[in-house]
Amino acid sequence: MFTGIIEEIGHVTRIANEKGNHRLTVSSSQLVKELKQGDSIAVSGVCLTAADITPKSFTADLAEETWKRTSFSRIRKDALVNLELPMQANGRFGGHIVQGHVDGTGKFLALKKLPAGGYALRIEIPNDLARYVIFKGSLCIEGISLTVAAIEGTEVTVAIIPHTVKMTNLKSLEPGDPINLEVDMIAKYVEKMLRGETASTAITVEKLVKKGF
């Protein structure tokens, strides 16, 4: 499990396509020191397994499904990626619950610097994810735990502080770029439970007959 607090920016140093599966090599100066083969690491919000590790980089295998369903389809050599190691049991919960399981990709629209300081990030989200995004709610964008500032249809605006811009790959994105999105996991569980409750308590003719009506 992750919390969406980015610990380091990595650089993609190599992309290989081996029989339909992609291998991604990412440079890291800090987090790679803590990695062992088989460890999980979130790369721009995608939970991957570190395979080959060197003192300055790690390599992870990407299934074709992962390649298609994430923003990795736009990945090029030297691209910036956000890195986070899993949360430790005794760690602080700085962001929100992030699984590293991308729900879909949105579209980066703009990152505008505001006169009063900070930035406004505008993105477009898919229709099927819009119901999970609420004003002041949490949304994981490219692995970053962020708070929704405004919603207009499928366009979402997020307030970004300068530190977040400095410490993430947001500054490298171009309008139209796909971005990884993971909505609030709790919202999805609540939705499922409510659907189950509605189905089990709904009044039907069959239930009335069984009760003797």
Protein backbone atom coordinates (compact mmCIF):
# COMPACT_ATOMS: atom_id res chain seq x y z
CA MET A 1 0.00 0.00 0.00
CA PHE A 2 1.13 3.54 -0.79
CA THR A 3 0.04 6.99 0.35
CA GLY A 4 0.68 9.13 -2.74
CA ILE A 5 3.56 11.09 -1.20
CA ILE A 6 6.29 11.12 -3.85
CA GLU A 7 9.76 10.35 -2.51
CA GLU A 8 11.89 10.77 -5.62
CA ILE A 9 11.75 11.61 -9.32
CA GLY A 10 13.22 8.91 -11.51
CA HIS A 11 14.29 9.01 -15.15
CA VAL A 12 13.41 6.33 -17.68
CA THR A 13 16.74 5.14 -19.07
CA ARG A 14 15.58 2.22 -21.20
CA ILE A 15 12.40 0.73 -22.66
CA ALA A 16 12.53 -2.74 -24.16
CA ASN A 17 9.76 -4.75 -25.80
CA GLU A 18 10.27 -8.48 -25.37
CA LYS A 19 7.59 -10.68 -26.97
CA GLY A 20 4.77 -8.26 -26.20
CA ASN A 21 5.96 -7.46 -22.68
CA HIS A 22 7.74 -4.21 -21.96
CA ARG A 23 10.67 -3.80 -19.59
CA LEU A 24 11.17 -0.41 -18.03
CA THR A 25 14.49 0.67 -16.53
CA VAL A 26 14.38 3.66 -14.21
CA SER A 27 17.30 5.53 -12.66
CA SER A 28 17.12 6.27 -8.95
CA SER A 29 19.70 7.73 -6.61
CA GLN A 30 17.90 7.23 -3.28
CA LEU A 31 15.07 4.67 -3.24
CA VAL A 32 17.06 2.07 -5.18
CA LYS A 33 19.28 1.73 -2.09
CA GLU A 34 16.30 0.29 -0.20
CA LEU A 35 15.09 -2.03 -2.97
CA LYS A 36 15.54 -5.78 -3.08
CA GLN A 37 14.58 -8.04 -5.96
CA GLY A 38 10.84 -8.68 -5.80
CA ASP A 39 10.04 -5.53 -3.84
CA SER A 40 7.12 -3.32 -4.85
CA ILE A 41 7.60 0.26 -5.96
CA ALA A 42 5.05 2.72 -7.32
CA VAL A 43 6.13 4.28 -10.61
CA SER A 44 3.88 7.24 -11.45
CA GLY A 45 1.11 5.55 -9.50
CA VAL A 46 1.57 2.03 -10.91
CA CYS A 47 2.63 -0.68 -8.47
CA LEU A 48 5.50 -2.57 -10.11
CA THR A 49 7.87 -5.30 -9.00
CA ALA A 50 11.57 -4.55 -9.06
CA ALA A 51 13.35 -7.27 -11.02
CA ASP A 52 16.92 -6.29 -11.88
CA ILE A 53 18.52 -3.84 -9.46
CA THR A 54 21.80 -1.98 -9.81
CA PRO A 55 23.30 0.69 -7.53
CA LYS A 56 21.70 3.39 -9.69
CA SER A 57 18.62 1.85 -11.31
CA PHE A 58 15.96 -0.83 -11.27
CA THR A 59 14.08 -2.68 -14.00
CA ALA A 60 10.44 -3.78 -13.92
CA ASP A 61 8.39 -5.91 -16.30
CA LEU A 62 5.13 -4.53 -17.67
CA ALA A 63 2.42 -6.79 -19.02
CA GLU A 64 0.71 -5.63 -22.19
CA GLU A 65 -2.43 -4.89 -20.16
CA THR A 66 -0.45 -2.56 -17.88
CA TRP A 67 1.14 -0.88 -20.87
CA LYS A 68 -2.24 -0.21 -22.48
CA ARG A 69 -4.17 0.82 -19.36
CA THR A 70 -1.68 3.31 -17.96
CA SER A 71 0.09 6.47 -19.01
CA PHE A 72 3.15 4.37 -19.82
CA SER A 73 1.99 4.37 -23.42
CA ARG A 74 3.50 7.86 -23.70
CA ILE A 75 6.73 6.93 -21.91
CA ARG A 76 9.92 7.79 -23.73
CA LYS A 77 13.57 7.57 -22.77
CA ASP A 78 14.50 10.33 -20.27
CA ALA A 79 10.85 10.77 -19.22
CA LEU A 80 10.34 11.74 -15.58
CA VAL A 81 8.42 9.31 -13.35
CA ASN A 82 7.24 9.65 -9.74
CA LEU A 83 8.61 7.07 -7.30
CA GLU A 84 7.29 5.91 -3.94
CA LEU A 85 8.07 2.87 -1.82
CA PRO A 86 5.28 1.07 0.05
CA MET A 87 4.22 2.57 3.38
CA GLN A 88 5.87 1.01 6.42
CA ALA A 89 3.66 -0.27 9.23
CA ASN A 90 5.09 2.32 11.62
CA GLY A 91 5.06 5.16 9.08
CA ARG A 92 2.96 8.32 9.00
CA PHE A 93 -0.09 8.42 6.74
CA GLY A 94 0.78 11.59 4.81
CA GLY A 95 -1.60 11.20 1.86
CA HIS A 96 -4.48 8.77 1.39
CA ILE A 97 -4.89 5.05 0.72
CA VAL A 98 -3.29 4.29 -2.64
CA GLN A 99 -3.07 0.74 -3.98
CA GLY A 100 -1.03 1.40 -7.08
CA HIS A 101 -3.84 -0.13 -9.15
CA VAL A 102 -4.63 2.41 -11.86
CA ASP A 103 -8.36 2.78 -12.55
CA GLY A 104 -7.85 4.53 -15.88
CA THR A 105 -6.10 7.35 -17.64
CA GLY A 106 -7.15 10.95 -17.78
CA LYS A 107 -5.83 13.77 -19.91
CA PHE A 108 -3.44 16.49 -18.77
CA LEU A 109 -4.86 19.86 -19.81
CA ALA A 110 -2.74 22.53 -18.14
CA LEU A 111 -0.60 23.48 -15.17
CA LYS A 112 -1.05 27.21 -14.67
CA LYS A 113 0.94 29.33 -12.25
CA LEU A 114 -1.32 31.50 -10.13
CA PRO A 115 -0.64 35.20 -9.35
CA ALA A 116 -0.99 34.59 -5.62
CA GLY A 117 1.47 31.66 -5.73
CA GLY A 118 1.01 27.98 -6.34
CA TYR A 119 -0.46 26.34 -9.41
CA ALA A 120 -3.78 25.13 -10.77
CA LEU A 121 -3.67 21.71 -12.38
CA ARG A 122 -6.49 20.98 -14.83
CA ILE A 123 -7.19 17.46 -16.04
CA GLU A 124 -9.95 15.61 -17.84
CA ILE A 125 -11.20 12.36 -16.32
CA PRO A 126 -13.13 9.47 -17.93
CA ASN A 127 -16.92 9.46 -17.50
CA ASP A 128 -16.90 6.14 -15.67
CA LEU A 129 -14.60 7.51 -12.96
CA ALA A 130 -16.32 10.86 -12.50
CA ARG A 131 -18.80 9.49 -9.95
CA TYR A 132 -15.95 8.69 -7.54
CA VAL A 133 -14.46 12.19 -7.63
CA ILE A 134 -15.90 14.75 -5.22
CA PHE A 135 -15.12 18.32 -4.19
CA LYS A 136 -12.36 18.28 -1.53
CA GLY A 137 -12.00 14.54 -2.04
CA SER A 138 -8.76 12.66 -2.68
CA LEU A 139 -7.57 11.73 -6.16
CA CYS A 140 -4.30 10.03 -7.07
CA ILE A 141 -2.80 11.58 -10.22
CA GLU A 142 0.43 10.06 -11.57
CA GLY A 143 0.91 8.55 -8.12
CA ILE A 144 0.46 11.88 -6.30
CA SER A 145 -2.12 12.20 -3.55
CA LEU A 146 -4.03 15.38 -4.40
CA THR A 147 -7.19 17.17 -3.26
CA VAL A 148 -9.90 18.17 -5.72
CA ALA A 149 -10.51 21.93 -5.74
CA ALA A 150 -13.22 22.12 -8.40
CA ILE A 151 -15.24 19.86 -10.70
CA GLU A 152 -17.04 20.88 -13.88
CA GLY A 153 -18.40 17.89 -15.75
CA THR A 154 -15.40 15.67 -16.42
CA GLU A 155 -12.90 18.49 -15.94
CA VAL A 156 -11.17 18.53 -12.56
CA THR A 157 -9.02 21.29 -11.09
CA VAL A 158 -6.50 20.63 -8.34
CA ALA A 159 -4.58 23.21 -6.32
CA ILE A 160 -0.85 22.48 -6.41
CA ILE A 161 1.81 23.96 -4.14
CA PRO A 162 5.26 24.79 -5.58
CA HIS A 163 6.89 21.96 -3.60
CA THR A 164 4.70 19.39 -5.37
CA VAL A 165 5.64 20.78 -8.79
CA LYS A 166 9.32 20.65 -7.85
CA MET A 167 9.19 17.11 -6.45
CA THR A 168 7.09 15.41 -9.16
CA ASN A 169 6.87 14.91 -12.92
CA LEU A 170 3.97 17.38 -13.35
CA LYS A 171 6.32 20.02 -14.73
CA SER A 172 7.32 17.71 -17.58
CA LEU A 173 3.81 16.96 -18.87
CA GLU A 174 2.39 18.42 -22.07
CA PRO A 175 -1.28 19.21 -22.87
CA GLY A 176 -2.97 16.04 -24.09
CA ASP A 177 -0.62 13.65 -22.28
CA PRO A 178 -2.35 10.66 -20.65
CA ILE A 179 -2.07 10.56 -16.86
CA ASN A 180 -2.60 7.71 -14.43
CA LEU A 181 -5.65 8.01 -12.17
CA GLU A 182 -6.60 6.03 -9.09
CA VAL A 183 -9.82 7.10 -7.40
CA ASP A 184 -10.57 6.79 -3.69
CA MET A 185 -10.76 3.07 -2.89
CA ILE A 186 -13.22 3.69 -0.06
CA ALA A 187 -15.70 5.25 -2.50
CA LYS A 188 -15.70 2.08 -4.60
CA TYR A 189 -16.29 -0.16 -1.58
CA VAL A 190 -19.12 2.04 -0.33
CA GLU A 191 -20.74 1.94 -3.76
CA LYS A 192 -20.56 -1.85 -3.87
CA MET A 193 -21.98 -2.25 -0.36
CA LEU A 194 -24.85 0.11 -1.10
CA ARG A 195 -25.68 -1.79 -4.26
CA GLY A 196 -25.65 -5.05 -2.32
CA GLU A 197 -27.85 -3.62 0.42
CA THR A 198 -30.33 -2.29 -2.09
CA ALA A 199 -30.50 -5.64 -3.87
CA SER A 200 -31.04 -7.61 -0.66
CA THR A 201 -33.66 -5.30 0.88
CA ALA A 202 -35.67 -4.48 -2.22
CA ILE A 203 -39.36 -5.40 -1.98
CA THR A 204 -40.37 -7.94 -4.62
CA VAL A 205 -43.52 -10.02 -5.25
CA GLU A 206 -41.62 -13.18 -4.35
CA LYS A 207 -40.57 -11.78 -0.96
CA LEU A 208 -44.13 -10.64 -0.20
CA VAL A 209 -45.51 -14.10 -1.01
CA LYS A 210 -42.95 -15.74 1.28
CA LYS A 211 -44.02 -13.42 4.09
CA GLY A 212 -47.68 -14.43 3.63
CA PHE A 213 -49.02 -11.34 1.88
